[in-house]
PDB file of N, CA and C in Angstrom:
ATOM      1  N   MET A   1     -10.356  28.620 -16.144  1.00  0.00           N
ATOM      2  CA  MET A   1      -9.075  28.057 -15.730  1.00  0.00           C
ATOM      3  C   MET A   1      -9.118  27.602 -14.280  1.00  0.00           C
ATOM      4  N   SER A   2      -9.807  28.350 -13.398  1.00  0.00           N
ATOM      5  CA  SER A   2      -9.893  27.942 -11.993  1.00  0.00           C
ATOM      6  C   SER A   2     -10.642  26.625 -11.869  1.00  0.00           C
ATOM      7  N   ASN A   3     -11.626  26.395 -12.760  1.00  0.00           N
ATOM      8  CA  ASN A   3     -12.351  25.128 -12.776  1.00  0.00           C
ATOM      9  C   ASN A   3     -11.396  23.986 -13.107  1.00  0.00           C
ATOM     10  N   LEU A   4     -10.478  24.221 -14.013  1.00  0.00           N
ATOM     11  CA  LEU A   4      -9.484  23.222 -14.391  1.00  0.00           C
ATOM     12  C   LEU A   4      -8.572  22.914 -13.212  1.00  0.00           C
ATOM     13  N   ILE A   5      -8.151  23.945 -12.507  1.00  0.00           N
ATOM     14  CA  ILE A   5      -7.283  23.742 -11.343  1.00  0.00           C
ATOM     15  C   ILE A   5      -8.014  22.939 -10.279  1.00  0.00           C
ATOM     16  N   GLU A   6      -9.266  23.292 -10.034  1.00  0.00           N
ATOM     17  CA  GLU A   6     -10.073  22.565  -9.044  1.00  0.00           C
ATOM     18  C   GLU A   6     -10.217  21.095  -9.434  1.00  0.00           C
ATOM     19  N   LYS A   7     -10.488  20.840 -10.702  1.00  0.00           N
ATOM     20  CA  LYS A   7     -10.626  19.457 -11.160  1.00  0.00           C
ATOM     21  C   LYS A   7      -9.314  18.696 -11.035  1.00  0.00           C
ATOM     22  N   SER A   8      -8.213  19.349 -11.347  1.00  0.00           N
ATOM     23  CA  SER A   8      -6.923  18.656 -11.251  1.00  0.00           C
ATOM     24  C   SER A   8      -6.563  18.366  -9.801  1.00  0.00           C
ATOM     25  N   ILE A   9      -6.932  19.254  -8.879  1.00  0.00           N
ATOM     26  CA  ILE A   9      -6.691  18.996  -7.457  1.00  0.00           C
ATOM     27  C   ILE A   9      -7.556  17.835  -6.996  1.00  0.00           C
ATOM     28  N   ASN A  10      -8.829  17.852  -7.352  1.00  0.00           N
ATOM     29  CA  ASN A  10      -9.721  16.746  -6.983  1.00  0.00           C
ATOM     30  C   ASN A  10      -9.243  15.436  -7.601  1.00  0.00           C
ATOM     31  N   LEU A  11      -8.812  15.511  -8.834  1.00  0.00           N
ATOM     32  CA  LEU A  11      -8.291  14.322  -9.500  1.00  0.00           C
ATOM     33  C   LEU A  11      -7.032  13.849  -8.808  1.00  0.00           C
ATOM     34  N   GLY A  12      -6.211  14.774  -8.374  1.00  0.00           N
ATOM     35  CA  GLY A  12      -4.967  14.428  -7.693  1.00  0.00           C
ATOM     36  C   GLY A  12      -5.189  13.604  -6.445  1.00  0.00           C
ATOM     37  N   LEU A  13      -6.300  13.812  -5.781  1.00  0.00           N
ATOM     38  CA  LEU A  13      -6.584  13.067  -4.562  1.00  0.00           C
ATOM     39  C   LEU A  13      -6.776  11.579  -4.837  1.00  0.00           C
ATOM     40  N   GLY A  14      -7.301  11.256  -5.989  1.00  0.00           N
ATOM     41  CA  GLY A  14      -7.515   9.847  -6.310  1.00  0.00           C
ATOM     42  C   GLY A  14      -6.729   9.398  -7.517  1.00  0.00           C
ATOM     43  N   LEU A  15      -5.756  10.180  -7.888  1.00  0.00           N
ATOM     44  CA  LEU A  15      -5.025   9.937  -9.124  1.00  0.00           C
ATOM     45  C   LEU A  15      -4.236   8.642  -9.111  1.00  0.00           C
ATOM     46  N   PHE A  16      -3.784   8.219  -7.952  1.00  0.00           N
ATOM     47  CA  PHE A  16      -2.960   7.017  -7.914  1.00  0.00           C
ATOM     48  C   PHE A  16      -3.718   5.808  -8.449  1.00  0.00           C
ATOM     49  N   ALA A  17      -5.052   5.891  -8.490  1.00  0.00           N
ATOM     50  CA  ALA A  17      -5.842   4.770  -8.979  1.00  0.00           C
ATOM     51  C   ALA A  17      -6.011   4.820 -10.506  1.00  0.00           C
ATOM     52  N   TYR A  18      -5.621   5.917 -11.112  1.00  0.00           N
ATOM     53  CA  TYR A  18      -5.790   6.077 -12.550  1.00  0.00           C
ATOM     54  C   TYR A  18      -4.603   5.506 -13.310  1.00  0.00           C
ATOM     55  N   SER A  19      -4.887   4.883 -14.420  1.00  0.00           N
ATOM     56  CA  SER A  19      -3.820   4.418 -15.296  1.00  0.00           C
ATOM     57  C   SER A  19      -3.455   5.557 -16.243  1.00  0.00           C
ATOM     58  N   ARG A  20      -2.340   5.399 -16.920  1.00  0.00           N
ATOM     59  CA  ARG A  20      -1.910   6.419 -17.883  1.00  0.00           C
ATOM     60  C   ARG A  20      -2.996   6.625 -18.955  1.00  0.00           C
ATOM     61  N   GLU A  21      -3.625   5.534 -19.380  1.00  0.00           N
ATOM     62  CA  GLU A  21      -4.648   5.637 -20.412  1.00  0.00           C
ATOM     63  C   GLU A  21      -5.834   6.471 -19.926  1.00  0.00           C
ATOM     64  N   LYS A  22      -6.241   6.256 -18.685  1.00  0.00           N
ATOM     65  CA  LYS A  22      -7.364   7.015 -18.134  1.00  0.00           C
ATOM     66  C   LYS A  22      -7.020   8.495 -18.044  1.00  0.00           C
ATOM     67  N   VAL A  23      -5.789   8.795 -17.631  1.00  0.00           N
ATOM     68  CA  VAL A  23      -5.357  10.190 -17.543  1.00  0.00           C
ATOM     69  C   VAL A  23      -5.380  10.827 -18.925  1.00  0.00           C
ATOM     70  N   GLU A  24      -4.880  10.102 -19.921  1.00  0.00           N
ATOM     71  CA  GLU A  24      -4.866  10.640 -21.282  1.00  0.00           C
ATOM     72  C   GLU A  24      -6.288  10.865 -21.791  1.00  0.00           C
ATOM     73  N   GLU A  25      -7.212   9.952 -21.446  1.00  0.00           N
ATOM     74  CA  GLU A  25      -8.611  10.136 -21.837  1.00  0.00           C
ATOM     75  C   GLU A  25      -9.194  11.385 -21.186  1.00  0.00           C
ATOM     76  N   LEU A  26      -8.903  11.582 -19.911  1.00  0.00           N
ATOM     77  CA  LEU A  26      -9.400  12.750 -19.195  1.00  0.00           C
ATOM     78  C   LEU A  26      -8.865  14.032 -19.814  1.00  0.00           C
ATOM     79  N   VAL A  27      -7.572  14.054 -20.103  1.00  0.00           N
ATOM     80  CA  VAL A  27      -6.961  15.244 -20.688  1.00  0.00           C
ATOM     81  C   VAL A  27      -7.544  15.502 -22.074  1.00  0.00           C
ATOM     82  N   GLU A  28      -7.754  14.451 -22.860  1.00  0.00           N
ATOM     83  CA  GLU A  28      -8.362  14.605 -24.192  1.00  0.00           C
ATOM     84  C   GLU A  28      -9.757  15.204 -24.065  1.00  0.00           C
ATOM     85  N   GLU A  29     -10.501  14.752 -23.064  1.00  0.00           N
ATOM     86  CA  GLU A  29     -11.843  15.297 -22.833  1.00  0.00           C
ATOM     87  C   GLU A  29     -11.766  16.783 -22.462  1.00  0.00           C
ATOM     88  N   LEU A  30     -10.786  17.151 -21.652  1.00  0.00           N
ATOM     89  CA  LEU A  30     -10.614  18.559 -21.280  1.00  0.00           C
ATOM     90  C   LEU A  30     -10.252  19.403 -22.501  1.00  0.00           C
ATOM     91  N   VAL A  31      -9.439  18.854 -23.396  1.00  0.00           N
ATOM     92  CA  VAL A  31      -9.073  19.562 -24.630  1.00  0.00           C
ATOM     93  C   VAL A  31     -10.311  19.753 -25.494  1.00  0.00           C
ATOM     94  N   GLN A  32     -11.124  18.708 -25.655  1.00  0.00           N
ATOM     95  CA  GLN A  32     -12.325  18.788 -26.478  1.00  0.00           C
ATOM     96  C   GLN A  32     -13.319  19.817 -25.944  1.00  0.00           C
ATOM     97  N   ARG A  33     -13.369  19.933 -24.605  1.00  0.00           N
ATOM     98  CA  ARG A  33     -14.288  20.918 -24.004  1.00  0.00           C
ATOM     99  C   ARG A  33     -13.677  22.309 -23.944  1.00  0.00           C
ATOM    100  N   GLY A  34     -12.441  22.428 -24.372  1.00  0.00           N
ATOM    101  CA  GLY A  34     -11.792  23.726 -24.406  1.00  0.00           C
ATOM    102  C   GLY A  34     -11.281  24.197 -23.048  1.00  0.00           C
ATOM    103  N   GLU A  35     -11.168  23.296 -22.097  1.00  0.00           N
ATOM    104  CA  GLU A  35     -10.711  23.677 -20.764  1.00  0.00           C
ATOM    105  C   GLU A  35      -9.193  23.687 -20.657  1.00  0.00           C
ATOM    106  N   ILE A  36      -8.546  23.103 -21.651  1.00  0.00           N
ATOM    107  CA  ILE A  36      -7.084  23.118 -21.703  1.00  0.00           C
ATOM    108  C   ILE A  36      -6.677  23.168 -23.171  1.00  0.00           C
ATOM    109  N   ALA A  37      -5.602  23.893 -23.440  1.00  0.00           N
ATOM    110  CA  ALA A  37      -5.133  24.030 -24.826  1.00  0.00           C
ATOM    111  C   ALA A  37      -4.492  22.723 -25.272  1.00  0.00           C
ATOM    112  N   ASN A  38      -4.673  22.418 -26.534  1.00  0.00           N
ATOM    113  CA  ASN A  38      -4.117  21.194 -27.105  1.00  0.00           C
ATOM    114  C   ASN A  38      -2.603  21.147 -26.925  1.00  0.00           C
ATOM    115  N   LYS A  39      -1.954  22.303 -27.062  1.00  0.00           N
ATOM    116  CA  LYS A  39      -0.489  22.346 -26.929  1.00  0.00           C
ATOM    117  C   LYS A  39      -0.027  22.034 -25.503  1.00  0.00           C
ATOM    118  N   ASP A  40      -0.891  22.234 -24.507  1.00  0.00           N
ATOM    119  CA  ASP A  40      -0.540  21.983 -23.106  1.00  0.00           C
ATOM    120  C   ASP A  40      -0.964  20.593 -22.636  1.00  0.00           C
ATOM    121  N   ALA A  41      -1.703  19.884 -23.457  1.00  0.00           N
ATOM    122  CA  ALA A  41      -2.299  18.615 -23.037  1.00  0.00           C
ATOM    123  C   ALA A  41      -1.259  17.573 -22.651  1.00  0.00           C
ATOM    124  N   ARG A  42      -0.236  17.413 -23.459  1.00  0.00           N
ATOM    125  CA  ARG A  42       0.776  16.387 -23.186  1.00  0.00           C
ATOM    126  C   ARG A  42       1.487  16.660 -21.864  1.00  0.00           C
ATOM    127  N   GLN A  43       1.882  17.917 -21.658  1.00  0.00           N
ATOM    128  CA  GLN A  43       2.569  18.270 -20.419  1.00  0.00           C
ATOM    129  C   GLN A  43       1.641  18.077 -19.211  1.00  0.00           C
ATOM    130  N   PHE A  44       0.389  18.474 -19.360  1.00  0.00           N
ATOM    131  CA  PHE A  44      -0.582  18.328 -18.276  1.00  0.00           C
ATOM    132  C   PHE A  44      -0.787  16.849 -17.938  1.00  0.00           C
ATOM    133  N   ALA A  45      -0.904  16.007 -18.960  1.00  0.00           N
ATOM    134  CA  ALA A  45      -1.076  14.566 -18.740  1.00  0.00           C
ATOM    135  C   ALA A  45       0.157  13.986 -18.047  1.00  0.00           C
ATOM    136  N   SER A  46       1.345  14.404 -18.467  1.00  0.00           N
ATOM    137  CA  SER A  46       2.577  13.918 -17.840  1.00  0.00           C
ATOM    138  C   SER A  46       2.639  14.324 -16.370  1.00  0.00           C
ATOM    139  N   GLU A  47       2.219  15.547 -16.075  1.00  0.00           N
ATOM    140  CA  GLU A  47       2.218  16.008 -14.691  1.00  0.00           C
ATOM    141  C   GLU A  47       1.231  15.198 -13.853  1.00  0.00           C
ATOM    142  N   LEU A  48       0.075  14.908 -14.400  1.00  0.00           N
ATOM    143  CA  LEU A  48      -0.914  14.114 -13.668  1.00  0.00           C
ATOM    144  C   LEU A  48      -0.414  12.690 -13.422  1.00  0.00           C
ATOM    145  N   VAL A  49       0.215  12.094 -14.434  1.00  0.00           N
ATOM    146  CA  VAL A  49       0.763  10.739 -14.283  1.00  0.00           C
ATOM    147  C   VAL A  49       1.869  10.748 -13.227  1.00  0.00           C
ATOM    148  N   LYS A  50       2.722  11.761 -13.283  1.00  0.00           N
ATOM    149  CA  LYS A  50       3.806  11.871 -12.299  1.00  0.00           C
ATOM    150  C   LYS A  50       3.225  12.016 -10.896  1.00  0.00           C
ATOM    151  N   ARG A  51       2.218  12.841 -10.749  1.00  0.00           N
ATOM    152  CA  ARG A  51       1.580  13.025  -9.443  1.00  0.00           C
ATOM    153  C   ARG A  51       0.979  11.708  -8.947  1.00  0.00           C
ATOM    154  N   GLY A  52       0.372  10.963  -9.836  1.00  0.00           N
ATOM    155  CA  GLY A  52      -0.191   9.666  -9.476  1.00  0.00           C
ATOM    156  C   GLY A  52       0.876   8.688  -9.021  1.00  0.00           C
ATOM    157  N   GLU A  53       2.006   8.673  -9.724  1.00  0.00           N
ATOM    158  CA  GLU A  53       3.112   7.788  -9.336  1.00  0.00           C
ATOM    159  C   GLU A  53       3.668   8.176  -7.973  1.00  0.00           C
ATOM    160  N   GLU A  54       3.763   9.477  -7.716  1.00  0.00           N
ATOM    161  CA  GLU A  54       4.241   9.944  -6.407  1.00  0.00           C
ATOM    162  C   GLU A  54       3.274   9.519  -5.306  1.00  0.00           C
ATOM    163  N   GLN A  55       1.976   9.630  -5.589  1.00  0.00           N
ATOM    164  CA  GLN A  55       0.980   9.237  -4.591  1.00  0.00           C
ATOM    165  C   GLN A  55       1.017   7.732  -4.346  1.00  0.00           C
ATOM    166  N   ARG A  56       1.196   6.947  -5.399  1.00  0.00           N
ATOM    167  CA  ARG A  56       1.316   5.495  -5.239  1.00  0.00           C
ATOM    168  C   ARG A  56       2.509   5.152  -4.365  1.00  0.00           C
ATOM    169  N   SER A  57       3.618   5.807  -4.630  1.00  0.00           N
ATOM    170  CA  SER A  57       4.840   5.572  -3.866  1.00  0.00           C
ATOM    171  C   SER A  57       4.641   5.948  -2.394  1.00  0.00           C
ATOM    172  N   GLU A  58       4.036   7.089  -2.163  1.00  0.00           N
ATOM    173  CA  GLU A  58       3.782   7.538  -0.791  1.00  0.00           C
ATOM    174  C   GLU A  58       2.815   6.600  -0.081  1.00  0.00           C
ATOM    175  N   LEU A  59       1.771   6.177  -0.772  1.00  0.00           N
ATOM    176  CA  LEU A  59       0.805   5.255  -0.182  1.00  0.00           C
ATOM    177  C   LEU A  59       1.479   3.921   0.166  1.00  0.00           C
ATOM    178  N   LYS A  60       2.322   3.435  -0.727  1.00  0.00           N
ATOM    179  CA  LYS A  60       3.042   2.180  -0.484  1.00  0.00           C
ATOM    180  C   LYS A  60       3.922   2.315   0.757  1.00  0.00           C
ATOM    181  N   LYS A  61       4.600   3.450   0.886  1.00  0.00           N
ATOM    182  CA  LYS A  61       5.455   3.695   2.043  1.00  0.00           C
ATOM    183  C   LYS A  61       4.635   3.719   3.334  1.00  0.00           C
ATOM    184  N   ILE A  62       3.501   4.387   3.312  1.00  0.00           N
ATOM    185  CA  ILE A  62       2.642   4.476   4.496  1.00  0.00           C
ATOM    186  C   ILE A  62       2.117   3.102   4.881  1.00  0.00           C
ATOM    187  N   VAL A  63       1.659   2.346   3.907  1.00  0.00           N
ATOM    188  CA  VAL A  63       1.130   0.999   4.183  1.00  0.00           C
ATOM    189  C   VAL A  63       2.226   0.124   4.778  1.00  0.00           C
ATOM    190  N   LYS A  64       3.422   0.192   4.211  1.00  0.00           N
ATOM    191  CA  LYS A  64       4.545  -0.612   4.714  1.00  0.00           C
ATOM    192  C   LYS A  64       4.853  -0.252   6.165  1.00  0.00           C
ATOM    193  N   GLU A  65       4.885   1.044   6.466  1.00  0.00           N
ATOM    194  CA  GLU A  65       5.157   1.485   7.841  1.00  0.00           C
ATOM    195  C   GLU A  65       4.080   0.991   8.800  1.00  0.00           C
ATOM    196  N   GLU A  66       2.825   1.084   8.400  1.00  0.00           N
ATOM    197  CA  GLU A  66       1.729   0.671   9.267  1.00  0.00           C
ATOM    198  C   GLU A  66       1.718  -0.846   9.477  1.00  0.00           C
ATOM    199  N   VAL A  67       2.011  -1.600   8.435  1.00  0.00           N
ATOM    200  CA  VAL A  67       2.066  -3.058   8.571  1.00  0.00           C
ATOM    201  C   VAL A  67       3.220  -3.441   9.500  1.00  0.00           C
ATOM    202  N   THR A  68       4.358  -2.779   9.354  1.00  0.00           N
ATOM    203  CA  THR A  68       5.501  -3.043  10.227  1.00  0.00           C
ATOM    204  C   THR A  68       5.148  -2.758  11.682  1.00  0.00           C
ATOM    205  N   LYS A  69       4.474  -1.625  11.926  1.00  0.00           N
ATOM    206  CA  LYS A  69       4.044  -1.291  13.292  1.00  0.00           C
ATOM    207  C   LYS A  69       3.105  -2.366  13.834  1.00  0.00           C
ATOM    208  N   ALA A  70       2.158  -2.798  13.024  1.00  0.00           N
ATOM    209  CA  ALA A  70       1.193  -3.809  13.463  1.00  0.00           C
ATOM    210  C   ALA A  70       1.898  -5.120  13.784  1.00  0.00           C
ATOM    211  N   LEU A  71       2.818  -5.532  12.942  1.00  0.00           N
ATOM    212  CA  LEU A  71       3.557  -6.774  13.187  1.00  0.00           C
ATOM    213  C   LEU A  71       4.397  -6.670  14.461  1.00  0.00           C
ATOM    214  N   ASP A  72       4.998  -5.513  14.678  1.00  0.00           N
ATOM    215  CA  ASP A  72       5.792  -5.311  15.887  1.00  0.00           C
ATOM    216  C   ASP A  72       4.915  -5.393  17.134  1.00  0.00           C
ATOM    217  N   ASN A  73       3.697  -4.874  17.054  1.00  0.00           N
ATOM    218  CA  ASN A  73       2.783  -4.907  18.200  1.00  0.00           C
ATOM    219  C   ASN A  73       2.358  -6.323  18.561  1.00  0.00           C
ATOM    220  N   PHE A  74       2.323  -7.213  17.579  1.00  0.00           N
ATOM    221  CA  PHE A  74       1.876  -8.584  17.818  1.00  0.00           C
ATOM    222  C   PHE A  74       3.032  -9.566  17.968  1.00  0.00           C
ATOM    223  N   ASN A  75       4.265  -9.055  17.979  1.00  0.00           N
ATOM    224  CA  ASN A  75       5.455  -9.900  18.111  1.00  0.00           C
ATOM    225  C   ASN A  75       5.478 -11.045  17.104  1.00  0.00           C
ATOM    226  N   ILE A  76       5.155 -10.748  15.879  1.00  0.00           N
ATOM    227  CA  ILE A  76       5.192 -11.746  14.809  1.00  0.00           C
ATOM    228  C   ILE A  76       6.601 -11.776  14.238  1.00  0.00           C
ATOM    229  N   ALA A  77       7.112 -12.980  14.028  1.00  0.00           N
ATOM    230  CA  ALA A  77       8.473 -13.132  13.504  1.00  0.00           C
ATOM    231  C   ALA A  77       8.576 -12.528  12.106  1.00  0.00           C
ATOM    232  N   LYS A  78       9.680 -11.862  11.883  1.00  0.00           N
ATOM    233  CA  LYS A  78       9.973 -11.300  10.568  1.00  0.00           C
ATOM    234  C   LYS A  78      10.847 -12.283   9.815  1.00  0.00           C
ATOM    235  N   LYS A  79      10.975 -12.072   8.538  1.00  0.00           N
ATOM    236  CA  LYS A  79      11.759 -12.966   7.691  1.00  0.00           C
ATOM    237  C   LYS A  79      13.177 -13.128   8.233  1.00  0.00           C
ATOM    238  N   GLU A  80      13.773 -12.007   8.655  1.00  0.00           N
ATOM    239  CA  GLU A  80      15.156 -12.083   9.145  1.00  0.00           C
ATOM    240  C   GLU A  80      15.266 -12.787  10.504  1.00  0.00           C
ATOM    241  N   ASP A  81      14.144 -12.964  11.205  1.00  0.00           N
ATOM    242  CA  ASP A  81      14.137 -13.647  12.496  1.00  0.00           C
ATOM    243  C   ASP A  81      14.056 -15.169  12.362  1.00  0.00           C
ATOM    244  N   ILE A  82      13.672 -15.651  11.215  1.00  0.00           N
ATOM    245  CA  ILE A  82      13.428 -17.079  11.018  1.00  0.00           C
ATOM    246  C   ILE A  82      14.732 -17.786  10.655  1.00  0.00           C
ATOM    247  N   VAL A  83      15.008 -18.885  11.360  1.00  0.00           N
ATOM    248  CA  VAL A  83      16.213 -19.673  11.124  1.00  0.00           C
ATOM    249  C   VAL A  83      15.927 -20.668  10.000  1.00  0.00           C
ATOM    250  N   THR A  84      16.822 -20.704   9.025  1.00  0.00           N
ATOM    251  CA  THR A  84      16.643 -21.618   7.888  1.00  0.00           C
ATOM    252  C   THR A  84      17.102 -23.025   8.253  1.00  0.00           C
ATOM    253  N   SER A  85      16.705 -23.996   7.451  1.00  0.00           N
ATOM    254  CA  SER A  85      17.119 -25.386   7.693  1.00  0.00           C
ATOM    255  C   SER A  85      18.627 -25.528   7.570  1.00  0.00           C
ATOM    256  N   ASP A  86      19.257 -24.783   6.680  1.00  0.00           N
ATOM    257  CA  ASP A  86      20.716 -24.823   6.554  1.00  0.00           C
ATOM    258  C   ASP A  86      21.384 -24.317   7.828  1.00  0.00           C
ATOM    259  N   GLU A  87      20.826 -23.253   8.391  1.00  0.00           N
ATOM    260  CA  GLU A  87      21.380 -22.712   9.632  1.00  0.00           C
ATOM    261  C   GLU A  87      21.195 -23.697  10.787  1.00  0.00           C
ATOM    262  N   ILE A  88      20.046 -24.353  10.832  1.00  0.00           N
ATOM    263  CA  ILE A  88      19.791 -25.362  11.873  1.00  0.00           C
ATOM    264  C   ILE A  88      20.772 -26.516  11.725  1.00  0.00           C
ATOM    265  N   SER A  89      20.982 -26.979  10.503  1.00  0.00           N
ATOM    266  CA  SER A  89      21.927 -28.076  10.251  1.00  0.00           C
ATOM    267  C   SER A  89      23.330 -27.692  10.713  1.00  0.00           C
ATOM    268  N   LYS A  90      23.745 -26.488  10.426  1.00  0.00           N
ATOM    269  CA  LYS A  90      25.070 -26.017  10.829  1.00  0.00           C
ATOM    270  C   LYS A  90      25.185 -25.989  12.357  1.00  0.00           C
ATOM    271  N   ILE A  91      24.167 -25.492  13.031  1.00  0.00           N
ATOM    272  CA  ILE A  91      24.172 -25.441  14.505  1.00  0.00           C
ATOM    273  C   ILE A  91      24.253 -26.848  15.089  1.00  0.00           C
ATOM    274  N   VAL A  92      23.458 -27.767  14.550  1.00  0.00           N
ATOM    275  CA  VAL A  92      23.450 -29.146  15.050  1.00  0.00           C
ATOM    276  C   VAL A  92      24.815 -29.792  14.833  1.00  0.00           C
ATOM    277  N   ARG A  93      25.424 -29.615  13.661  1.00  0.00           N
ATOM    278  CA  ARG A  93      26.753 -30.171  13.393  1.00  0.00           C
ATOM    279  C   ARG A  93      27.782 -29.642  14.392  1.00  0.00           C
ATOM    280  N   GLU A  94      27.726 -28.343  14.661  1.00  0.00           N
ATOM    281  CA  GLU A  94      28.655 -27.738  15.615  1.00  0.00           C
ATOM    282  C   GLU A  94      28.449 -28.306  17.017  1.00  0.00           C
ATOM    283  N   GLN A  95      27.205 -28.510  17.392  1.00  0.00           N
ATOM    284  CA  GLN A  95      26.930 -29.068  18.715  1.00  0.00           C
ATOM    285  C   GLN A  95      27.412 -30.515  18.812  1.00  0.00           C
ATOM    286  N   ILE A  96      27.215 -31.290  17.758  1.00  0.00           N
ATOM    287  CA  ILE A  96      27.691 -32.682  17.740  1.00  0.00           C
ATOM    288  C   ILE A  96      29.213 -32.712  17.845  1.00  0.00           C
ATOM    289  N   LYS A  97      29.880 -31.843  17.089  1.00  0.00           N
ATOM    290  CA  LYS A  97      31.342 -31.771  17.155  1.00  0.00           C
ATOM    291  C   LYS A  97      31.789 -31.399  18.566  1.00  0.00           C
ATOM    292  N   GLN A  98      31.094 -30.468  19.191  1.00  0.00           N
ATOM    293  CA  GLN A  98      31.431 -30.038  20.549  1.00  0.00           C
ATOM    294  C   GLN A  98      31.306 -31.212  21.530  1.00  0.00           C
ATOM    295  N   VAL A  99      30.226 -31.968  21.445  1.00  0.00           N
ATOM    296  CA  VAL A  99      30.013 -33.119  22.329  1.00  0.00           C
ATOM    297  C   VAL A  99      31.102 -34.172  22.090  1.00  0.00           C
ATOM    298  N   LEU A 100      31.416 -34.440  20.833  1.00  0.00           N
ATOM    299  CA  LEU A 100      32.447 -35.421  20.506  1.00  0.00           C
ATOM    300  C   LEU A 100      33.810 -34.988  21.041  1.00  0.00           C
ATOM    301  N   ARG A 101      34.143 -33.694  20.955  1.00  0.00           N
ATOM    302  CA  ARG A 101      35.396 -33.185  21.513  1.00  0.00           C
ATOM    303  C   ARG A 101      35.413 -33.347  23.032  1.00  0.00           C
ATOM    304  N   GLU A 102      34.290 -33.013  23.671  1.00  0.00           N
ATOM    305  CA  GLU A 102      34.199 -33.111  25.132  1.00  0.00           C
ATOM    306  C   GLU A 102      34.327 -34.548  25.602  1.00  0.00           C
ATOM    307  N   GLU A 103      33.844 -35.494  24.811  1.00  0.00           N
ATOM    308  CA  GLU A 103      33.916 -36.914  25.173  1.00  0.00           C
ATOM    309  C   GLU A 103      35.245 -37.541  24.754  1.00  0.00           C
ATOM    310  N   GLY A 104      36.072 -36.766  24.068  1.00  0.00           N
ATOM    311  CA  GLY A 104      37.374 -37.265  23.650  1.00  0.00           C
ATOM    312  C   GLY A 104      37.313 -38.172  22.448  1.00  0.00           C
ATOM    313  N   ILE A 105      36.192 -38.181  21.757  1.00  0.00           N
ATOM    314  CA  ILE A 105      36.008 -39.053  20.598  1.00  0.00           C
ATOM    315  C   ILE A 105      36.591 -38.393  19.345  1.00  0.00           C
ATOM    316  N   SER A 106      36.604 -37.095  19.292  1.00  0.00           N
ATOM    317  CA  SER A 106      37.071 -36.386  18.111  1.00  0.00           C
ATOM    318  C   SER A 106      38.082 -35.325  18.536  1.00  0.00           C
ATOM    319  N   LYS A 107      39.072 -35.051  17.657  1.00  0.00           N
ATOM    320  CA  LYS A 107      40.100 -34.056  17.959  1.00  0.00           C
ATOM    321  C   LYS A 107      39.902 -32.774  17.162  1.00  0.00           C
ATOM    322  N   GLU A 108      38.855 -32.682  16.376  1.00  0.00           N
ATOM    323  CA  GLU A 108      38.591 -31.492  15.541  1.00  0.00           C
ATOM    324  C   GLU A 108      38.365 -30.274  16.346  1.00  0.00           C
TER     325      GLU A 108
END
């Protein structure tokens, strides 16, 4: 049983790379070798898949944080910093209206 725990911990370290099918194959192999009871196989596979999903989520969060830090260090514009063409058009229209009002050409 301790061998099974050791293998599951080692597997957990790289589990996020495993698909559900691979996990099920691994668990089936453990059942065939008698390292896990057939009645526990489904629950064990579900726990491994859940652990893999948690690791994927955590890895995604870490990567996102690191990319954000890197972008901040290089002063690269973010999506929310970029002015759209619609916003530019609106600004230009407002400026034209302002100039026309100042010149007395428009009363708007």
